[in-house]
C-alpha cells in the first residue's frame, strides 16, 4: 500500500533551518510528481512547493520562494524540503502528498505530517 512518512520537523528559532524528509513506499516513486503542503494552527491547507517526477521542475508559493528548496532522490524514494531563514509564520504541520503540478492538485495520498514550530 502507498505510504508517505514525513520526518525532520521540530522547534527552531527564527532565522534557523530545518530539512524535512518524506519516505515513500508502495508505489513507483520516480514516476510521480510530489508536493509539500502545510497547515498553520487554525488555518486551512496551504500549498508550499512541488517537484516533477524527474526532479528537474519545481514550483514554490510566493511565501517561501527564495527560502525553501524542494528536492528528491528517486534512488532512495525520498522527498525533501530544505527550509532556511525560517519565520514564525512558517509554523505549521507540513505534509508531503503525491501529485501536484505548479500548485495544483490533485493529491491522492498524504503523509501524517510533521510539526514545524518557529519561535524564540
C-alpha atoms as a PDB file:
ATOM      1  CA  UNK A   1       0.000   0.000   0.000  1.00  0.00           C
ATOM      2  CA  UNK A   2       1.081   3.566  -0.559  1.00  0.00           C
ATOM      3  CA  UNK A   3       2.839   5.105   2.427  1.00  0.00           C
ATOM      4  CA  UNK A   4       4.318   8.545   2.906  1.00  0.00           C
ATOM      5  CA  UNK A   5       6.190   9.172   6.151  1.00  0.00           C
ATOM      6  CA  UNK A   6       7.471  12.635   6.992  1.00  0.00           C
ATOM      7  CA  UNK A   7      10.263  13.396   9.423  1.00  0.00           C
ATOM      8  CA  UNK A   8      12.583  16.219  10.374  1.00  0.00           C
ATOM      9  CA  UNK A   9      10.218  18.661  11.992  1.00  0.00           C
ATOM     10  CA  UNK A  10      10.923  20.348  15.283  1.00  0.00           C
ATOM     11  CA  UNK A  11      11.350  23.584  17.177  1.00  0.00           C
ATOM     12  CA  UNK A  12      13.666  26.178  15.673  1.00  0.00           C
ATOM     13  CA  UNK A  13      14.406  29.842  16.287  1.00  0.00           C
ATOM     14  CA  UNK A  14      13.580  32.496  13.694  1.00  0.00           C
ATOM     15  CA  UNK A  15      16.281  32.567  11.061  1.00  0.00           C
ATOM     16  CA  UNK A  16      17.102  28.920  11.573  1.00  0.00           C
ATOM     17  CA  UNK A  17      16.913  25.975   9.207  1.00  0.00           C
ATOM     18  CA  UNK A  18      15.322  22.555   9.044  1.00  0.00           C
ATOM     19  CA  UNK A  19      15.260  19.817   6.452  1.00  0.00           C
ATOM     20  CA  UNK A  20      12.115  17.757   6.127  1.00  0.00           C
ATOM     21  CA  UNK A  21      12.118  14.306   4.582  1.00  0.00           C
ATOM     22  CA  UNK A  22       9.296  12.178   3.218  1.00  0.00           C
ATOM     23  CA  UNK A  23       9.976   8.481   2.749  1.00  0.00           C
ATOM     24  CA  UNK A  24       7.739   6.942   0.126  1.00  0.00           C
ATOM     25  CA  UNK A  25       6.845   3.295  -0.372  1.00  0.00           C
ATOM     26  CA  UNK A  26       4.252   1.130  -2.078  1.00  0.00           C
ATOM     27  CA  UNK A  27       4.440   2.803  -5.475  1.00  0.00           C
ATOM     28  CA  UNK A  28       6.931   3.723  -8.182  1.00  0.00           C
ATOM     29  CA  UNK A  29       8.114   6.968  -6.638  1.00  0.00           C
ATOM     30  CA  UNK A  30      10.123   8.092  -9.647  1.00  0.00           C
ATOM     31  CA  UNK A  31       7.041   8.325 -11.855  1.00  0.00           C
ATOM     32  CA  UNK A  32       5.003  10.736  -9.725  1.00  0.00           C
ATOM     33  CA  UNK A  33       5.219  14.455  -9.049  1.00  0.00           C
ATOM     34  CA  UNK A  34       5.290  15.233  -5.334  1.00  0.00           C
ATOM     35  CA  UNK A  35       4.271  18.175  -3.201  1.00  0.00           C
ATOM     36  CA  UNK A  36       4.624  19.751   0.213  1.00  0.00           C
ATOM     37  CA  UNK A  37       1.518  21.281   1.772  1.00  0.00           C
ATOM     38  CA  UNK A  38       1.255  22.884   5.207  1.00  0.00           C
ATOM     39  CA  UNK A  39      -1.442  23.787   7.680  1.00  0.00           C
ATOM     40  CA  UNK A  40      -0.875  26.505  10.232  1.00  0.00           C
ATOM     41  CA  UNK A  41      -2.803  26.495  13.520  1.00  0.00           C
ATOM     42  CA  UNK A  42      -6.412  27.478  12.914  1.00  0.00           C
ATOM     43  CA  UNK A  43      -5.920  27.884   9.161  1.00  0.00           C
ATOM     44  CA  UNK A  44      -6.592  25.902   6.026  1.00  0.00           C
ATOM     45  CA  UNK A  45      -4.190  23.938   3.891  1.00  0.00           C
ATOM     46  CA  UNK A  46      -1.551  25.960   2.043  1.00  0.00           C
ATOM     47  CA  UNK A  47       0.442  24.599  -0.863  1.00  0.00           C
ATOM     48  CA  UNK A  48       4.172  25.137  -0.335  1.00  0.00           C
ATOM     49  CA  UNK A  49       6.051  23.545  -3.212  1.00  0.00           C
ATOM     50  CA  UNK A  50       6.039  20.747  -5.765  1.00  0.00           C
ATOM     51  CA  UNK A  51       8.509  18.910  -7.948  1.00  0.00           C
ATOM     52  CA  UNK A  52       8.082  16.885 -11.102  1.00  0.00           C
ATOM     53  CA  UNK A  53       8.850  13.203 -11.301  1.00  0.00           C
ATOM     54  CA  UNK A  54      12.398  13.650 -12.567  1.00  0.00           C
ATOM     55  CA  UNK A  55      13.259  16.456 -10.188  1.00  0.00           C
ATOM     56  CA  UNK A  56      14.038  18.978 -12.900  1.00  0.00           C
ATOM     57  CA  UNK A  57      10.951  21.114 -12.455  1.00  0.00           C
ATOM     58  CA  UNK A  58       9.949  22.848  -9.246  1.00  0.00           C
ATOM     59  CA  UNK A  59       7.385  25.410  -8.106  1.00  0.00           C
ATOM     60  CA  UNK A  60       7.085  27.425  -4.917  1.00  0.00           C
ATOM     61  CA  UNK A  61       4.495  29.514  -3.140  1.00  0.00           C
ATOM     62  CA  UNK A  62       5.458  33.178  -3.025  1.00  0.00           C
ATOM     63  CA  UNK A  63       5.582  32.985   0.766  1.00  0.00           C
ATOM     64  CA  UNK A  64       8.540  30.568   0.698  1.00  0.00           C
ATOM     65  CA  UNK A  65      10.263  31.388  -2.596  1.00  0.00           C
ATOM     66  CA  UNK A  66      13.958  32.014  -2.086  1.00  0.00           C
ATOM     67  CA  UNK A  67      13.970  30.410   1.360  1.00  0.00           C
ATOM     68  CA  UNK A  68      12.767  26.828   0.761  1.00  0.00           C
ATOM     69  CA  UNK A  69      14.146  24.262  -1.668  1.00  0.00           C
ATOM     70  CA  UNK A  70      12.337  21.101  -2.694  1.00  0.00           C
ATOM     71  CA  UNK A  71      14.299  18.131  -3.982  1.00  0.00           C
ATOM     72  CA  UNK A  72      14.002  14.391  -4.381  1.00  0.00           C
ATOM     73  CA  UNK A  73      16.205  11.333  -4.518  1.00  0.00           C
ATOM     74  CA  UNK A  74      14.453   8.792  -6.688  1.00  0.00           C
ATOM     75  CA  UNK A  75      17.034   6.133  -5.848  1.00  0.00           C
ATOM     76  CA  UNK A  76      16.096   6.476  -2.179  1.00  0.00           C
ATOM     77  CA  UNK A  77      12.353   7.079  -2.746  1.00  0.00           C
ATOM     78  CA  UNK A  78      12.608  10.216  -0.663  1.00  0.00           C
ATOM     79  CA  UNK A  79      11.309  13.763  -0.999  1.00  0.00           C
ATOM     80  CA  UNK A  80      12.975  16.656   0.812  1.00  0.00           C
ATOM     81  CA  UNK A  81      12.209  20.222   1.800  1.00  0.00           C
ATOM     82  CA  UNK A  82      15.140  22.364   2.878  1.00  0.00           C
ATOM     83  CA  UNK A  83      13.811  25.310   4.847  1.00  0.00           C
ATOM     84  CA  UNK A  84      16.099  28.267   5.541  1.00  0.00           C
ATOM     85  CA  UNK A  85      15.529  31.684   7.094  1.00  0.00           C
ATOM     86  CA  UNK A  86      12.514  30.341   8.924  1.00  0.00           C
ATOM     87  CA  UNK A  87       9.910  32.771  10.228  1.00  0.00           C
ATOM     88  CA  UNK A  88       7.230  32.380  12.896  1.00  0.00           C
ATOM     89  CA  UNK A  89       4.652  32.388  10.066  1.00  0.00           C
ATOM     90  CA  UNK A  90       6.189  29.123   8.835  1.00  0.00           C
ATOM     91  CA  UNK A  91       4.882  27.365  11.947  1.00  0.00           C
ATOM     92  CA  UNK A  92       2.620  24.596  10.691  1.00  0.00           C
ATOM     93  CA  UNK A  93       2.165  20.895  10.205  1.00  0.00           C
ATOM     94  CA  UNK A  94       3.937  20.000   6.972  1.00  0.00           C
ATOM     95  CA  UNK A  95       2.549  17.212   4.808  1.00  0.00           C
ATOM     96  CA  UNK A  96       4.001  15.533   1.781  1.00  0.00           C
ATOM     97  CA  UNK A  97       1.497  14.493  -0.830  1.00  0.00           C
ATOM     98  CA  UNK A  98       1.604  12.520  -4.028  1.00  0.00           C
ATOM     99  CA  UNK A  99       0.740  14.544  -7.074  1.00  0.00           C
ATOM    100  CA  UNK A 100       0.537  18.224  -7.863  1.00  0.00           C
ATOM    101  CA  UNK A 101       1.878  20.475 -10.585  1.00  0.00           C
ATOM    102  CA  UNK A 102       2.614  24.176 -10.165  1.00  0.00           C
ATOM    103  CA  UNK A 103       0.438  24.426  -7.099  1.00  0.00           C
ATOM    104  CA  UNK A 104      -2.492  22.473  -8.426  1.00  0.00           C
ATOM    105  CA  UNK A 105      -3.596  19.043  -7.320  1.00  0.00           C
ATOM    106  CA  UNK A 106      -4.953  16.540  -7.278  1.00  0.00           C
ATOM    107  CA  UNK A 107      -3.192  14.890  -4.387  1.00  0.00           C
ATOM    108  CA  UNK A 108      -4.230  11.290  -3.916  1.00  0.00           C
ATOM    109  CA  UNK A 109      -2.109  10.241  -0.934  1.00  0.00           C
ATOM    110  CA  UNK A 110      -0.878  12.185   2.082  1.00  0.00           C
ATOM    111  CA  UNK A 111       1.559  11.558   4.877  1.00  0.00           C
ATOM    112  CA  UNK A 112       0.708  12.001   8.545  1.00  0.00           C
ATOM    113  CA  UNK A 113       2.537  15.309   8.785  1.00  0.00           C
ATOM    114  CA  UNK A 114       5.445  16.664  10.787  1.00  0.00           C
ATOM    115  CA  UNK A 115       5.226  19.679  13.079  1.00  0.00           C
ATOM    116  CA  UNK A 116       7.457  22.679  12.483  1.00  0.00           C
ATOM    117  CA  UNK A 117       7.452  25.376  15.148  1.00  0.00           C
ATOM    118  CA  UNK A 118       9.390  28.588  14.704  1.00  0.00           C
ATOM    119  CA  UNK A 119       9.670  30.729  17.799  1.00  0.00           C
ATOM    120  CA  UNK A 120      12.221  32.322  20.019  1.00  0.00           C
END
